[in-house]
Amino acid sequence: MGSPMVVDLLLIALAITLDPLPLMAFVLVVASGRGVRTGLAFIAGWMACFVAVIALVLTLTGGQPPAPRSPPSTANLAAKLLIGVSLIGYGLHRHRRPGHDRTSKATPDDAGASPSRGKSSSFLATRMDRGSLWPAAALAVLLQPWGLVAAGAVTVVEADTSHGTTWVELIAFCIVATAGLLAVELYVVLKPASARRRLLSLRTWMADHAHQAIVLGSIAIGLWLTGKSVYELAS
């Protein structure tokens, strides 16, 4: 796993899997009546997003990275720089609005920043309570941290699928980005009696720290992408 993109991909995957908002929503999913089944549906929808994004990027690039210093390579670095700056701006924006986050975090819709997303989350949560599985998968798509997914997409542009290690790196990205959800699902399967109670307590703790985690994660990944992009554009 020695390609230039591997560090970027794993850092982005860690930021995705540690994003507290999808985890908080997922705890509610597995705490529902059909927790294990709806949890699996959520995970399937979550991973399907990564597979679809990777497949789209590889289709567009033909599985070959653009030549260094070529217009496509420069455009990709510019896109990565833009995403990095946007993540920094998003983190700073949330940092300046702590009161708003404390107000919204205690609601069942804390995964959605906008009113429309909040209404969608409520609708899907109601359908899941009735035992439907597709709303869990749809909720996973809705709650994706799409800024970080976009950062992963522009990084996958560098993938060279003629090397077997590249496929290992892409699979590792999907697994690491889903690791938090997989751990929660496995806990519910192995310890169903105590898992729901403890997970709901953990969700309360995550709600108390979600604001700081999102701010730090967005700024950290944004600084990394921005710094690396500027360096590569200048070299």
Protein backbone atom coordinates (compact mmCIF):
# COMPACT_ATOMS: atom_id res chain seq x y z
CA MET A 1 0.00 0.00 0.00
CA GLY A 2 2.57 2.49 -1.07
CA SER A 3 0.85 4.71 -3.60
CA PRO A 4 0.83 8.49 -3.00
CA MET A 5 -2.92 8.54 -2.38
CA VAL A 6 -3.02 5.98 0.45
CA VAL A 7 -2.31 8.40 3.31
CA ASP A 8 -4.89 10.88 2.03
CA LEU A 9 -7.52 8.16 1.63
CA LEU A 10 -7.00 6.70 5.10
CA LEU A 11 -7.08 10.12 6.78
CA ILE A 12 -10.30 11.00 4.97
CA ALA A 13 -11.77 7.59 5.84
CA LEU A 14 -10.93 8.11 9.53
CA ALA A 15 -12.59 11.52 9.47
CA ILE A 16 -15.71 9.97 7.89
CA THR A 17 -15.96 7.08 10.35
CA LEU A 18 -15.47 9.39 13.34
CA ASP A 19 -18.08 11.90 12.19
CA PRO A 20 -20.43 11.94 15.21
CA LEU A 21 -23.67 12.84 13.44
CA PRO A 22 -24.06 9.65 11.35
CA LEU A 23 -22.98 7.59 14.37
CA MET A 24 -25.60 9.27 16.56
CA ALA A 25 -28.29 8.54 13.99
CA PHE A 26 -27.07 4.97 13.57
CA VAL A 27 -27.40 4.35 17.31
CA LEU A 28 -31.09 5.24 17.02
CA VAL A 29 -31.40 2.92 14.02
CA VAL A 30 -29.99 -0.12 15.85
CA ALA A 31 -32.00 0.75 18.97
CA SER A 32 -35.25 0.40 16.99
CA GLY A 33 -37.45 -2.68 16.98
CA ARG A 34 -35.56 -4.43 14.17
CA GLY A 35 -32.19 -2.96 15.06
CA VAL A 36 -29.89 -5.55 13.52
CA ARG A 37 -31.75 -5.68 10.20
CA THR A 38 -32.17 -1.93 9.88
CA GLY A 39 -28.55 -1.47 10.93
CA LEU A 40 -27.42 -3.72 8.10
CA ALA A 41 -29.61 -1.79 5.67
CA PHE A 42 -28.04 1.48 6.87
CA ILE A 43 -24.53 0.06 6.44
CA ALA A 44 -25.41 -1.23 2.96
CA GLY A 45 -26.63 2.21 1.91
CA TRP A 46 -23.58 3.85 3.51
CA MET A 47 -21.07 1.63 1.70
CA ALA A 48 -23.02 1.81 -1.56
CA CYS A 49 -22.28 5.54 -1.65
CA PHE A 50 -18.52 4.93 -1.51
CA VAL A 51 -18.67 2.17 -4.12
CA ALA A 52 -20.75 4.36 -6.45
CA VAL A 53 -18.41 7.35 -6.07
CA ILE A 54 -15.29 5.22 -6.62
CA ALA A 55 -16.86 3.49 -9.63
CA LEU A 56 -17.83 6.83 -11.16
CA VAL A 57 -14.35 8.30 -10.70
CA LEU A 58 -12.61 5.21 -12.11
CA THR A 59 -14.99 5.21 -15.07
CA LEU A 60 -14.13 8.82 -15.82
CA THR A 61 -10.36 8.30 -15.45
CA GLY A 62 -10.24 4.85 -17.03
CA GLY A 63 -8.41 3.65 -13.93
CA GLN A 64 -5.31 5.65 -14.83
CA PRO A 65 -4.12 8.75 -12.97
CA PRO A 66 -3.59 11.92 -15.03
CA ALA A 67 -0.03 12.64 -16.09
CA PRO A 68 1.88 14.95 -13.72
CA ARG A 69 1.63 18.66 -14.58
CA SER A 70 -0.99 17.95 -17.24
CA PRO A 71 -4.17 20.06 -17.36
CA PRO A 72 -6.30 17.25 -15.81
CA SER A 73 -3.75 16.82 -13.02
CA THR A 74 -3.69 20.55 -12.33
CA ALA A 75 -7.49 20.69 -12.39
CA ASN A 76 -7.68 17.82 -9.89
CA LEU A 77 -5.23 19.56 -7.55
CA ALA A 78 -7.26 22.75 -7.85
CA ALA A 79 -10.43 20.82 -6.97
CA LYS A 80 -8.69 19.25 -3.97
CA LEU A 81 -7.51 22.70 -2.89
CA LEU A 82 -11.05 24.07 -3.20
CA ILE A 83 -12.46 21.21 -1.13
CA GLY A 84 -9.76 21.71 1.51
CA VAL A 85 -10.49 25.43 1.78
CA SER A 86 -14.23 24.69 1.91
CA LEU A 87 -13.73 22.22 4.79
CA ILE A 88 -11.71 24.80 6.70
CA GLY A 89 -14.40 27.40 6.08
CA TYR A 90 -17.11 24.98 7.18
CA GLY A 91 -15.24 24.15 10.38
CA LEU A 92 -14.70 27.82 11.20
CA HIS A 93 -18.35 28.57 10.41
CA ARG A 94 -19.53 25.90 12.86
CA HIS A 95 -17.02 27.12 15.45
CA ARG A 96 -18.62 30.56 15.36
CA ARG A 97 -22.12 29.11 15.88
CA PRO A 98 -21.85 26.96 19.03
CA GLY A 99 -25.24 28.06 20.36
CA HIS A 100 -27.04 26.77 17.26
CA ASP A 101 -25.35 23.37 17.52
CA ARG A 102 -26.16 22.95 21.21
CA THR A 103 -29.80 23.70 20.45
CA SER A 104 -30.06 21.26 17.56
CA LYS A 105 -27.95 18.41 18.87
CA ALA A 106 -30.54 17.14 21.33
CA THR A 107 -33.20 16.61 18.67
CA PRO A 108 -33.74 13.32 16.84
CA ASP A 109 -32.79 15.12 13.61
CA ASP A 110 -29.28 16.08 14.71
CA ALA A 111 -27.81 14.56 11.56
CA GLY A 112 -29.32 17.31 9.44
CA ALA A 113 -28.10 20.87 9.42
CA SER A 114 -30.94 22.19 7.30
CA PRO A 115 -34.68 22.14 8.09
CA SER A 116 -35.41 20.12 4.95
CA ARG A 117 -32.89 17.49 5.93
CA GLY A 118 -34.30 17.40 9.43
CA LYS A 119 -37.81 16.78 8.07
CA SER A 120 -36.48 14.04 5.81
CA SER A 121 -34.72 12.38 8.76
CA SER A 122 -37.92 12.47 10.81
CA PHE A 123 -39.93 10.91 7.98
CA LEU A 124 -37.39 8.13 7.46
CA ALA A 125 -37.13 7.48 11.21
CA THR A 126 -40.92 7.04 11.35
CA ARG A 127 -40.85 4.55 8.49
CA MET A 128 -38.05 2.59 10.19
CA ASP A 129 -40.15 2.33 13.35
CA ARG A 130 -42.69 0.47 11.20
CA GLY A 131 -40.09 -2.12 10.24
CA SER A 132 -39.18 -0.82 6.76
CA LEU A 133 -35.59 -1.41 5.69
CA TRP A 134 -35.23 0.90 2.68
CA PRO A 135 -35.56 4.08 4.81
CA ALA A 136 -32.47 3.01 6.78
CA ALA A 137 -30.45 2.78 3.56
CA ALA A 138 -31.87 6.11 2.38
CA LEU A 139 -30.99 7.71 5.71
CA ALA A 140 -27.39 6.54 5.30
CA VAL A 141 -27.19 8.33 1.95
CA LEU A 142 -28.77 11.44 3.43
CA LEU A 143 -26.32 11.56 6.34
CA GLN A 144 -23.11 11.07 4.36
CA PRO A 145 -20.52 13.79 5.11
CA TRP A 146 -20.45 14.70 1.44
CA GLY A 147 -17.64 17.22 1.79
CA LEU A 148 -15.33 14.45 2.99
CA VAL A 149 -16.69 12.05 0.37
CA ALA A 150 -15.85 14.67 -2.29
CA ALA A 151 -12.33 14.87 -0.87
CA GLY A 152 -12.10 11.10 -1.23
CA ALA A 153 -13.37 11.30 -4.80
CA VAL A 154 -10.71 13.76 -5.96
CA THR A 155 -8.10 11.60 -4.24
CA VAL A 156 -9.30 8.46 -6.06
CA VAL A 157 -8.54 10.29 -9.33
CA GLU A 158 -4.91 9.40 -8.57
CA ALA A 159 -5.72 5.66 -8.50
CA ASP A 160 -3.85 3.38 -10.90
CA THR A 161 -5.94 0.23 -11.13
CA SER A 162 -3.22 -1.63 -13.03
CA HIS A 163 -1.62 -2.27 -9.62
CA GLY A 164 -3.25 -4.77 -7.30
CA THR A 165 -2.37 -2.71 -4.23
CA THR A 166 -4.63 0.07 -5.50
CA TRP A 167 -7.68 -2.16 -5.12
CA VAL A 168 -6.57 -3.04 -1.60
CA GLU A 169 -6.32 0.67 -0.80
CA LEU A 170 -9.79 1.39 -2.19
CA ILE A 171 -11.32 -1.50 -0.26
CA ALA A 172 -9.49 -0.35 2.89
CA PHE A 173 -10.94 3.14 2.40
CA CYS A 174 -14.49 1.75 2.30
CA ILE A 175 -13.93 -0.45 5.34
CA VAL A 176 -12.24 2.21 7.47
CA ALA A 177 -14.90 4.78 6.53
CA THR A 178 -17.52 2.28 7.77
CA ALA A 179 -15.60 0.96 10.78
CA GLY A 180 -17.56 2.94 13.38
CA LEU A 181 -20.90 1.64 12.09
CA LEU A 182 -19.58 -1.91 11.83
CA ALA A 183 -18.35 -1.80 15.43
CA VAL A 184 -21.75 -0.63 16.69
CA GLU A 185 -23.58 -3.27 14.63
CA LEU A 186 -21.29 -6.02 15.89
CA TYR A 187 -21.80 -4.87 19.48
CA VAL A 188 -25.58 -5.11 19.08
CA VAL A 189 -25.28 -8.61 17.59
CA LEU A 190 -22.97 -9.91 20.33
CA LYS A 191 -24.47 -8.10 23.33
CA PRO A 192 -28.12 -7.38 22.46
CA ALA A 193 -29.27 -7.13 26.08
CA SER A 194 -26.92 -4.36 27.16
CA ALA A 195 -25.90 -2.81 23.85
CA ARG A 196 -28.93 -0.59 23.29
CA ARG A 197 -28.81 0.93 26.77
CA ARG A 198 -25.09 1.62 26.62
CA LEU A 199 -25.23 2.89 23.05
CA LEU A 200 -27.95 5.38 23.91
CA SER A 201 -25.78 6.61 26.79
CA LEU A 202 -22.86 6.89 24.36
CA ARG A 203 -25.07 8.85 21.99
CA THR A 204 -25.72 11.39 24.75
CA TRP A 205 -21.97 11.75 25.25
CA MET A 206 -21.41 12.15 21.50
CA ALA A 207 -24.11 14.83 21.39
CA ASP A 208 -22.18 16.77 24.03
CA HIS A 209 -18.99 16.61 21.95
CA ALA A 210 -20.31 16.57 18.38
CA HIS A 211 -19.69 20.26 17.81
CA GLN A 212 -16.02 20.10 18.77
CA ALA A 213 -15.43 16.89 16.81
CA ILE A 214 -16.93 18.28 13.59
CA VAL A 215 -14.98 21.53 13.89
CA LEU A 216 -11.65 19.81 14.58
CA GLY A 217 -12.17 17.10 11.95
CA SER A 218 -13.20 19.52 9.20
CA ILE A 219 -10.35 21.94 9.88
CA ALA A 220 -7.72 19.19 10.24
CA ILE A 221 -8.61 17.45 6.95
CA GLY A 222 -9.06 20.82 5.26
CA LEU A 223 -5.60 21.99 6.32
CA TRP A 224 -4.05 18.71 5.18
CA LEU A 225 -5.66 18.84 1.73
CA THR A 226 -4.98 22.55 1.31
CA GLY A 227 -1.34 22.32 2.34
CA LYS A 228 -0.63 19.29 0.18
CA SER A 229 -2.41 20.76 -2.83
CA VAL A 230 -0.57 24.07 -2.58
CA TYR A 231 2.75 22.22 -2.28
CA GLU A 232 2.06 20.03 -5.33
CA LEU A 233 0.81 22.96 -7.40
CA ALA A 234 3.93 24.96 -6.54
CA SER A 235 6.41 22.13 -7.14
